[in-house]
Amino acid sequence: MDVGELILNIEEHILNPLIGILFALALAIFLWGIARFIFQSDDESAREQGKQHIIWGLVGMFIMVSVFAIIHLIVGTFDIPPPDLPYR
């Protein structure tokens, strides 16, 4: 197994699923914040917590998209050919 194949296997089997799970978690936190902000609008502390959840959810999603882009940039920079997969 060469280094390029190892990097692609790590990306495909470890990093991409981990990024997907963390992105889904960040999205859930974001949506929870929106729901809390809207449905408990009469409680100022709940609105503030909702704002914090919205902000941290957005930060988490931004980080996960950035990590995904950086990984693909690294794979593209080292000219590692992608495997023949239907989703690429």
PDB file of N, CA and C in Angstrom:
ATOM      1  N   MET A   1       0.858  -1.174   0.000  1.00  0.00           N
ATOM      2  CA  MET A   1       0.000   0.000   0.000  1.00  0.00           C
ATOM      3  C   MET A   1       0.905   1.239   0.000  1.00  0.00           C
ATOM      4  N   ASP A   2       0.681   2.114  -0.948  1.00  0.00           N
ATOM      5  CA  ASP A   2       1.488   3.330  -0.991  1.00  0.00           C
ATOM      6  C   ASP A   2       0.842   4.427  -0.145  1.00  0.00           C
ATOM      7  N   VAL A   3       1.550   5.522  -0.016  1.00  0.00           N
ATOM      8  CA  VAL A   3       1.108   6.605   0.866  1.00  0.00           C
ATOM      9  C   VAL A   3      -0.189   7.235   0.365  1.00  0.00           C
ATOM     10  N   GLY A   4      -0.324   7.413  -0.931  1.00  0.00           N
ATOM     11  CA  GLY A   4      -1.544   8.004  -1.486  1.00  0.00           C
ATOM     12  C   GLY A   4      -2.768   7.176  -1.189  1.00  0.00           C
ATOM     13  N   GLU A   5      -2.625   5.861  -1.332  1.00  0.00           N
ATOM     14  CA  GLU A   5      -3.740   4.968  -1.039  1.00  0.00           C
ATOM     15  C   GLU A   5      -4.079   4.995   0.448  1.00  0.00           C
ATOM     16  N   LEU A   6      -3.070   5.081   1.294  1.00  0.00           N
ATOM     17  CA  LEU A   6      -3.289   5.173   2.741  1.00  0.00           C
ATOM     18  C   LEU A   6      -4.044   6.450   3.100  1.00  0.00           C
ATOM     19  N   ILE A   7      -3.638   7.564   2.507  1.00  0.00           N
ATOM     20  CA  ILE A   7      -4.317   8.843   2.783  1.00  0.00           C
ATOM     21  C   ILE A   7      -5.766   8.790   2.326  1.00  0.00           C
ATOM     22  N   LEU A   8      -6.009   8.224   1.149  1.00  0.00           N
ATOM     23  CA  LEU A   8      -7.384   8.117   0.663  1.00  0.00           C
ATOM     24  C   LEU A   8      -8.226   7.197   1.552  1.00  0.00           C
ATOM     25  N   ASN A   9      -7.637   6.109   2.036  1.00  0.00           N
ATOM     26  CA  ASN A   9      -8.376   5.218   2.933  1.00  0.00           C
ATOM     27  C   ASN A   9      -8.709   5.909   4.250  1.00  0.00           C
ATOM     28  N   ILE A  10      -7.767   6.650   4.797  1.00  0.00           N
ATOM     29  CA  ILE A  10      -8.028   7.391   6.035  1.00  0.00           C
ATOM     30  C   ILE A  10      -9.120   8.427   5.804  1.00  0.00           C
ATOM     31  N   GLU A  11      -9.019   9.127   4.683  1.00  0.00           N
ATOM     32  CA  GLU A  11     -10.028  10.145   4.368  1.00  0.00           C
ATOM     33  C   GLU A  11     -11.403   9.517   4.200  1.00  0.00           C
ATOM     34  N   GLU A  12     -11.458   8.431   3.427  1.00  0.00           N
ATOM     35  CA  GLU A  12     -12.740   7.816   3.096  1.00  0.00           C
ATOM     36  C   GLU A  12     -13.401   7.122   4.281  1.00  0.00           C
ATOM     37  N   HIS A  13     -12.618   6.417   5.078  1.00  0.00           N
ATOM     38  CA  HIS A  13     -13.211   5.572   6.115  1.00  0.00           C
ATOM     39  C   HIS A  13     -13.231   6.202   7.504  1.00  0.00           C
ATOM     40  N   ILE A  14     -12.429   7.213   7.727  1.00  0.00           N
ATOM     41  CA  ILE A  14     -12.377   7.817   9.062  1.00  0.00           C
ATOM     42  C   ILE A  14     -12.818   9.280   9.031  1.00  0.00           C
ATOM     43  N   LEU A  15     -12.133  10.091   8.223  1.00  0.00           N
ATOM     44  CA  LEU A  15     -12.369  11.533   8.282  1.00  0.00           C
ATOM     45  C   LEU A  15     -13.728  11.951   7.723  1.00  0.00           C
ATOM     46  N   ASN A  16     -14.110  11.445   6.552  1.00  0.00           N
ATOM     47  CA  ASN A  16     -15.388  11.856   5.972  1.00  0.00           C
ATOM     48  C   ASN A  16     -16.579  11.490   6.857  1.00  0.00           C
ATOM     49  N   PRO A  17     -16.663  10.253   7.407  1.00  0.00           N
ATOM     50  CA  PRO A  17     -17.777   9.974   8.319  1.00  0.00           C
ATOM     51  C   PRO A  17     -17.737  10.830   9.585  1.00  0.00           C
ATOM     52  N   LEU A  18     -16.536  11.069  10.114  1.00  0.00           N
ATOM     53  CA  LEU A  18     -16.415  11.896  11.312  1.00  0.00           C
ATOM     54  C   LEU A  18     -16.864  13.332  11.030  1.00  0.00           C
ATOM     55  N   ILE A  19     -16.468  13.863   9.888  1.00  0.00           N
ATOM     56  CA  ILE A  19     -16.893  15.212   9.504  1.00  0.00           C
ATOM     57  C   ILE A  19     -18.406  15.258   9.350  1.00  0.00           C
ATOM     58  N   GLY A  20     -18.984  14.240   8.732  1.00  0.00           N
ATOM     59  CA  GLY A  20     -20.441  14.192   8.568  1.00  0.00           C
ATOM     60  C   GLY A  20     -21.181  14.158   9.893  1.00  0.00           C
ATOM     61  N   ILE A  21     -20.691  13.365  10.824  1.00  0.00           N
ATOM     62  CA  ILE A  21     -21.327  13.257  12.139  1.00  0.00           C
ATOM     63  C   ILE A  21     -21.223  14.587  12.894  1.00  0.00           C
ATOM     64  N   LEU A  22     -20.045  15.186  12.877  1.00  0.00           N
ATOM     65  CA  LEU A  22     -19.863  16.460  13.580  1.00  0.00           C
ATOM     66  C   LEU A  22     -20.659  17.582  12.919  1.00  0.00           C
ATOM     67  N   PHE A  23     -20.778  17.554  11.587  1.00  0.00           N
ATOM     68  CA  PHE A  23     -21.596  18.551  10.903  1.00  0.00           C
ATOM     69  C   PHE A  23     -23.063  18.389  11.301  1.00  0.00           C
ATOM     70  N   ALA A  24     -23.529  17.147  11.360  1.00  0.00           N
ATOM     71  CA  ALA A  24     -24.913  16.896  11.771  1.00  0.00           C
ATOM     72  C   ALA A  24     -25.155  17.359  13.205  1.00  0.00           C
ATOM     73  N   LEU A  25     -24.184  17.150  14.076  1.00  0.00           N
ATOM     74  CA  LEU A  25     -24.304  17.618  15.461  1.00  0.00           C
ATOM     75  C   LEU A  25     -24.366  19.144  15.514  1.00  0.00           C
ATOM     76  N   ALA A  26     -23.508  19.808  14.742  1.00  0.00           N
ATOM     77  CA  ALA A  26     -23.522  21.272  14.710  1.00  0.00           C
ATOM     78  C   ALA A  26     -24.851  21.789  14.153  1.00  0.00           C
ATOM     79  N   LEU A  27     -25.380  21.106  13.146  1.00  0.00           N
ATOM     80  CA  LEU A  27     -26.676  21.499  12.584  1.00  0.00           C
ATOM     81  C   LEU A  27     -27.791  21.320  13.608  1.00  0.00           C
ATOM     82  N   ALA A  28     -27.746  20.230  14.362  1.00  0.00           N
ATOM     83  CA  ALA A  28     -28.758  19.999  15.401  1.00  0.00           C
ATOM     84  C   ALA A  28     -28.685  21.078  16.480  1.00  0.00           C
ATOM     85  N   ILE A  29     -27.483  21.464  16.874  1.00  0.00           N
ATOM     86  CA  ILE A  29     -27.325  22.527  17.869  1.00  0.00           C
ATOM     87  C   ILE A  29     -27.868  23.843  17.328  1.00  0.00           C
ATOM     88  N   PHE A  30     -27.575  24.121  16.067  1.00  0.00           N
ATOM     89  CA  PHE A  30     -28.078  25.335  15.424  1.00  0.00           C
ATOM     90  C   PHE A  30     -29.605  25.348  15.407  1.00  0.00           C
ATOM     91  N   LEU A  31     -30.212  24.242  14.988  1.00  0.00           N
ATOM     92  CA  LEU A  31     -31.680  24.172  14.924  1.00  0.00           C
ATOM     93  C   LEU A  31     -32.300  24.226  16.319  1.00  0.00           C
ATOM     94  N   TRP A  32     -31.644  23.615  17.297  1.00  0.00           N
ATOM     95  CA  TRP A  32     -32.131  23.695  18.682  1.00  0.00           C
ATOM     96  C   TRP A  32     -32.107  25.143  19.161  1.00  0.00           C
ATOM     97  N   GLY A  33     -31.070  25.863  18.809  1.00  0.00           N
ATOM     98  CA  GLY A  33     -30.981  27.269  19.183  1.00  0.00           C
ATOM     99  C   GLY A  33     -32.080  28.101  18.555  1.00  0.00           C
ATOM    100  N   ILE A  34     -32.365  27.832  17.284  1.00  0.00           N
ATOM    101  CA  ILE A  34     -33.449  28.561  16.609  1.00  0.00           C
ATOM    102  C   ILE A  34     -34.784  28.250  17.284  1.00  0.00           C
ATOM    103  N   ALA A  35     -35.036  26.970  17.558  1.00  0.00           N
ATOM    104  CA  ALA A  35     -36.299  26.593  18.200  1.00  0.00           C
ATOM    105  C   ALA A  35     -36.426  27.229  19.575  1.00  0.00           C
ATOM    106  N   ARG A  36     -35.361  27.219  20.320  1.00  0.00           N
ATOM    107  CA  ARG A  36     -35.393  27.813  21.659  1.00  0.00           C
ATOM    108  C   ARG A  36     -35.603  29.326  21.577  1.00  0.00           C
ATOM    109  N   PHE A  37     -34.949  29.965  20.618  1.00  0.00           N
ATOM    110  CA  PHE A  37     -35.079  31.407  20.452  1.00  0.00           C
ATOM    111  C   PHE A  37     -36.510  31.788  20.073  1.00  0.00           C
ATOM    112  N   ILE A  38     -37.139  30.986  19.215  1.00  0.00           N
ATOM    113  CA  ILE A  38     -38.489  31.309  18.751  1.00  0.00           C
ATOM    114  C   ILE A  38     -39.551  30.936  19.784  1.00  0.00           C
ATOM    115  N   PHE A  39     -39.498  29.696  20.278  1.00  0.00           N
ATOM    116  CA  PHE A  39     -40.587  29.206  21.117  1.00  0.00           C
ATOM    117  C   PHE A  39     -40.537  29.696  22.557  1.00  0.00           C
ATOM    118  N   GLN A  40     -39.381  30.151  23.009  1.00  0.00           N
ATOM    119  CA  GLN A  40     -39.291  30.691  24.364  1.00  0.00           C
ATOM    120  C   GLN A  40     -38.892  32.163  24.303  1.00  0.00           C
ATOM    121  N   SER A  41     -39.523  32.882  23.391  1.00  0.00           N
ATOM    122  CA  SER A  41     -39.153  34.282  23.173  1.00  0.00           C
ATOM    123  C   SER A  41     -39.514  35.184  24.344  1.00  0.00           C
ATOM    124  N   ASP A  42     -40.402  34.735  25.227  1.00  0.00           N
ATOM    125  CA  ASP A  42     -40.774  35.575  26.363  1.00  0.00           C
ATOM    126  C   ASP A  42     -39.744  35.505  27.502  1.00  0.00           C
ATOM    127  N   ASP A  43     -38.906  34.484  27.508  1.00  0.00           N
ATOM    128  CA  ASP A  43     -37.879  34.316  28.548  1.00  0.00           C
ATOM    129  C   ASP A  43     -36.533  34.809  28.006  1.00  0.00           C
ATOM    130  N   GLU A  44     -36.013  35.870  28.620  1.00  0.00           N
ATOM    131  CA  GLU A  44     -34.778  36.494  28.121  1.00  0.00           C
ATOM    132  C   GLU A  44     -33.573  35.561  28.224  1.00  0.00           C
ATOM    133  N   SER A  45     -33.477  34.781  29.309  1.00  0.00           N
ATOM    134  CA  SER A  45     -32.331  33.878  29.443  1.00  0.00           C
ATOM    135  C   SER A  45     -32.400  32.750  28.404  1.00  0.00           C
ATOM    136  N   ALA A  46     -33.599  32.262  28.091  1.00  0.00           N
ATOM    137  CA  ALA A  46     -33.743  31.226  27.065  1.00  0.00           C
ATOM    138  C   ALA A  46     -33.397  31.786  25.693  1.00  0.00           C
ATOM    139  N   ARG A  47     -33.776  33.037  25.439  1.00  0.00           N
ATOM    140  CA  ARG A  47     -33.404  33.663  24.159  1.00  0.00           C
ATOM    141  C   ARG A  47     -31.903  33.808  24.043  1.00  0.00           C
ATOM    142  N   GLU A  48     -31.256  34.185  25.130  1.00  0.00           N
ATOM    143  CA  GLU A  48     -29.802  34.341  25.108  1.00  0.00           C
ATOM    144  C   GLU A  48     -29.113  32.989  24.877  1.00  0.00           C
ATOM    145  N   GLN A  49     -29.618  31.942  25.533  1.00  0.00           N
ATOM    146  CA  GLN A  49     -29.068  30.615  25.300  1.00  0.00           C
ATOM    147  C   GLN A  49     -29.318  30.164  23.869  1.00  0.00           C
ATOM    148  N   GLY A  50     -30.478  30.499  23.338  1.00  0.00           N
ATOM    149  CA  GLY A  50     -30.776  30.190  21.938  1.00  0.00           C
ATOM    150  C   GLY A  50     -29.805  30.876  20.996  1.00  0.00           C
ATOM    151  N   LYS A  51     -29.491  32.140  21.278  1.00  0.00           N
ATOM    152  CA  LYS A  51     -28.510  32.864  20.452  1.00  0.00           C
ATOM    153  C   LYS A  51     -27.146  32.189  20.516  1.00  0.00           C
ATOM    154  N   GLN A  52     -26.743  31.761  21.711  1.00  0.00           N
ATOM    155  CA  GLN A  52     -25.452  31.094  21.862  1.00  0.00           C
ATOM    156  C   GLN A  52     -25.409  29.769  21.086  1.00  0.00           C
ATOM    157  N   HIS A  53     -26.516  29.016  21.146  1.00  0.00           N
ATOM    158  CA  HIS A  53     -26.577  27.766  20.389  1.00  0.00           C
ATOM    159  C   HIS A  53     -26.510  28.038  18.883  1.00  0.00           C
ATOM    160  N   ILE A  54     -27.179  29.076  18.433  1.00  0.00           N
ATOM    161  CA  ILE A  54     -27.140  29.429  17.013  1.00  0.00           C
ATOM    162  C   ILE A  54     -25.717  29.781  16.596  1.00  0.00           C
ATOM    163  N   ILE A  55     -25.055  30.600  17.380  1.00  0.00           N
ATOM    164  CA  ILE A  55     -23.688  31.022  17.053  1.00  0.00           C
ATOM    165  C   ILE A  55     -22.748  29.826  17.035  1.00  0.00           C
ATOM    166  N   TRP A  56     -22.791  28.993  18.074  1.00  0.00           N
ATOM    167  CA  TRP A  56     -21.876  27.847  18.135  1.00  0.00           C
ATOM    168  C   TRP A  56     -22.202  26.809  17.079  1.00  0.00           C
ATOM    169  N   GLY A  57     -23.461  26.663  16.733  1.00  0.00           N
ATOM    170  CA  GLY A  57     -23.826  25.759  15.638  1.00  0.00           C
ATOM    171  C   GLY A  57     -23.252  26.239  14.314  1.00  0.00           C
ATOM    172  N   LEU A  58     -23.342  27.544  14.061  1.00  0.00           N
ATOM    173  CA  LEU A  58     -22.762  28.101  12.837  1.00  0.00           C
ATOM    174  C   LEU A  58     -21.244  27.961  12.823  1.00  0.00           C
ATOM    175  N   VAL A  59     -20.613  28.208  13.962  1.00  0.00           N
ATOM    176  CA  VAL A  59     -19.155  28.057  14.051  1.00  0.00           C
ATOM    177  C   VAL A  59     -18.766  26.602  13.779  1.00  0.00           C
ATOM    178  N   GLY A  60     -19.485  25.667  14.361  1.00  0.00           N
ATOM    179  CA  GLY A  60     -19.196  24.251  14.143  1.00  0.00           C
ATOM    180  C   GLY A  60     -19.358  23.839  12.691  1.00  0.00           C
ATOM    181  N   MET A  61     -20.433  24.305  12.049  1.00  0.00           N
ATOM    182  CA  MET A  61     -20.634  23.978  10.635  1.00  0.00           C
ATOM    183  C   MET A  61     -19.541  24.594   9.774  1.00  0.00           C
ATOM    184  N   PHE A  62     -19.140  25.818  10.066  1.00  0.00           N
ATOM    185  CA  PHE A  62     -18.063  26.460   9.321  1.00  0.00           C
ATOM    186  C   PHE A  62     -16.757  25.685   9.464  1.00  0.00           C
ATOM    187  N   ILE A  63     -16.463  25.247  10.675  1.00  0.00           N
ATOM    188  CA  ILE A  63     -15.232  24.486  10.902  1.00  0.00           C
ATOM    189  C   ILE A  63     -15.260  23.165  10.136  1.00  0.00           C
ATOM    190  N   MET A  64     -16.385  22.472  10.156  1.00  0.00           N
ATOM    191  CA  MET A  64     -16.464  21.186   9.457  1.00  0.00           C
ATOM    192  C   MET A  64     -16.339  21.353   7.942  1.00  0.00           C
ATOM    193  N   VAL A  65     -16.946  22.380   7.386  1.00  0.00           N
ATOM    194  CA  VAL A  65     -16.804  22.641   5.953  1.00  0.00           C
ATOM    195  C   VAL A  65     -15.356  23.011   5.640  1.00  0.00           C
ATOM    196  N   SER A  66     -14.722  23.776   6.508  1.00  0.00           N
ATOM    197  CA  SER A  66     -13.320  24.150   6.304  1.00  0.00           C
ATOM    198  C   SER A  66     -12.408  22.933   6.362  1.00  0.00           C
ATOM    199  N   VAL A  67     -12.630  22.046   7.315  1.00  0.00           N
ATOM    200  CA  VAL A  67     -11.820  20.837   7.421  1.00  0.00           C
ATOM    201  C   VAL A  67     -11.978  19.981   6.166  1.00  0.00           C
ATOM    202  N   PHE A  68     -13.213  19.834   5.703  1.00  0.00           N
ATOM    203  CA  PHE A  68     -13.477  19.072   4.486  1.00  0.00           C
ATOM    204  C   PHE A  68     -12.734  19.688   3.302  1.00  0.00           C
ATOM    205  N   ALA A  69     -12.766  21.002   3.186  1.00  0.00           N
ATOM    206  CA  ALA A  69     -12.070  21.683   2.086  1.00  0.00           C
ATOM    207  C   ALA A  69     -10.555  21.534   2.205  1.00  0.00           C
ATOM    208  N   ILE A  70     -10.022  21.638   3.407  1.00  0.00           N
ATOM    209  CA  ILE A  70      -8.578  21.504   3.598  1.00  0.00           C
ATOM    210  C   ILE A  70      -8.120  20.092   3.246  1.00  0.00           C
ATOM    211  N   ILE A  71      -8.888  19.088   3.632  1.00  0.00           N
ATOM    212  CA  ILE A  71      -8.529  17.713   3.296  1.00  0.00           C
ATOM    213  C   ILE A  71      -8.494  17.530   1.784  1.00  0.00           C
ATOM    214  N   HIS A  72      -9.516  18.047   1.096  1.00  0.00           N
ATOM    215  CA  HIS A  72      -9.536  17.911  -0.357  1.00  0.00           C
ATOM    216  C   HIS A  72      -8.436  18.738  -1.014  1.00  0.00           C
ATOM    217  N   LEU A  73      -8.066  19.839  -0.422  1.00  0.00           N
ATOM    218  CA  LEU A  73      -6.954  20.635  -0.933  1.00  0.00           C
ATOM    219  C   LEU A  73      -5.640  19.865  -0.808  1.00  0.00           C
ATOM    220  N   ILE A  74      -5.444  19.210   0.320  1.00  0.00           N
ATOM    221  CA  ILE A  74      -4.225  18.419   0.527  1.00  0.00           C
ATOM    222  C   ILE A  74      -4.172  17.257  -0.461  1.00  0.00           C
ATOM    223  N   VAL A  75      -5.279  16.546  -0.616  1.00  0.00           N
ATOM    224  CA  VAL A  75      -5.317  15.424  -1.548  1.00  0.00           C
ATOM    225  C   VAL A  75      -5.064  15.918  -2.971  1.00  0.00           C
ATOM    226  N   GLY A  76      -5.631  17.053  -3.334  1.00  0.00           N
ATOM    227  CA  GLY A  76      -5.413  17.607  -4.668  1.00  0.00           C
ATOM    228  C   GLY A  76      -4.002  18.136  -4.872  1.00  0.00           C
ATOM    229  N   THR A  77      -3.416  18.698  -3.832  1.00  0.00           N
ATOM    230  CA  THR A  77      -2.066  19.255  -3.928  1.00  0.00           C
ATOM    231  C   THR A  77      -1.036  18.155  -4.176  1.00  0.00           C
ATOM    232  N   PHE A  78      -1.176  17.039  -3.495  1.00  0.00           N
ATOM    233  CA  PHE A  78      -0.228  15.951  -3.661  1.00  0.00           C
ATOM    234  C   PHE A  78      -0.595  15.048  -4.827  1.00  0.00           C
ATOM    235  N   ASP A  79      -1.595  15.446  -5.612  1.00  0.00           N
ATOM    236  CA  ASP A  79      -2.000  14.746  -6.836  1.00  0.00           C
ATOM    237  C   ASP A  79      -2.262  13.272  -6.576  1.00  0.00           C
ATOM    238  N   ILE A  80      -3.024  13.019  -5.530  1.00  0.00           N
ATOM    239  CA  ILE A  80      -3.403  11.651  -5.194  1.00  0.00           C
ATOM    240  C   ILE A  80      -4.668  11.330  -5.972  1.00  0.00           C
ATOM    241  N   PRO A  81      -4.601  10.348  -6.853  1.00  0.00           N
ATOM    242  CA  PRO A  81      -5.790  10.051  -7.665  1.00  0.00           C
ATOM    243  C   PRO A  81      -6.891   9.449  -6.798  1.00  0.00           C
ATOM    244  N   PRO A  82      -8.112   9.939  -6.954  1.00  0.00           N
ATOM    245  CA  PRO A  82      -9.207   9.379  -6.156  1.00  0.00           C
ATOM    246  C   PRO A  82      -9.570   7.984  -6.651  1.00  0.00           C
ATOM    247  N   PRO A  83     -10.074   7.146  -5.773  1.00  0.00           N
ATOM    248  CA  PRO A  83     -10.511   5.809  -6.225  1.00  0.00           C
ATOM    249  C   PRO A  83     -11.770   5.937  -7.069  1.00  0.00           C
ATOM    250  N   ASP A  84     -12.097   4.910  -7.776  1.00  0.00           N
ATOM    251  CA  ASP A  84     -13.297   4.912  -8.618  1.00  0.00           C
ATOM    252  C   ASP A  84     -14.520   4.672  -7.756  1.00  0.00           C
ATOM    253  N   LEU A  85     -15.025   5.732  -7.169  1.00  0.00           N
ATOM    254  CA  LEU A  85     -16.202   5.653  -6.307  1.00  0.00           C
ATOM    255  C   LEU A  85     -17.323   6.444  -6.961  1.00  0.00           C
ATOM    256  N   PRO A  86     -18.555   6.024  -6.806  1.00  0.00           N
ATOM    257  CA  PRO A  86     -19.660   6.707  -7.484  1.00  0.00           C
ATOM    258  C   PRO A  86     -19.939   8.112  -6.978  1.00  0.00           C
ATOM    259  N   TYR A  87     -19.541   8.443  -5.742  1.00  0.00           N
ATOM    260  CA  TYR A  87     -19.871   9.759  -5.197  1.00  0.00           C
ATOM    261  C   TYR A  87     -18.805  10.788  -5.464  1.00  0.00           C
ATOM    262  N   ARG A  88     -17.734  10.477  -6.092  1.00  0.00           N
ATOM    263  CA  ARG A  88     -16.672  11.467  -6.353  1.00  0.00           C
ATOM    264  C   ARG A  88     -16.795  12.008  -7.731  1.00  0.00           C
TER     265      ARG A  88
END
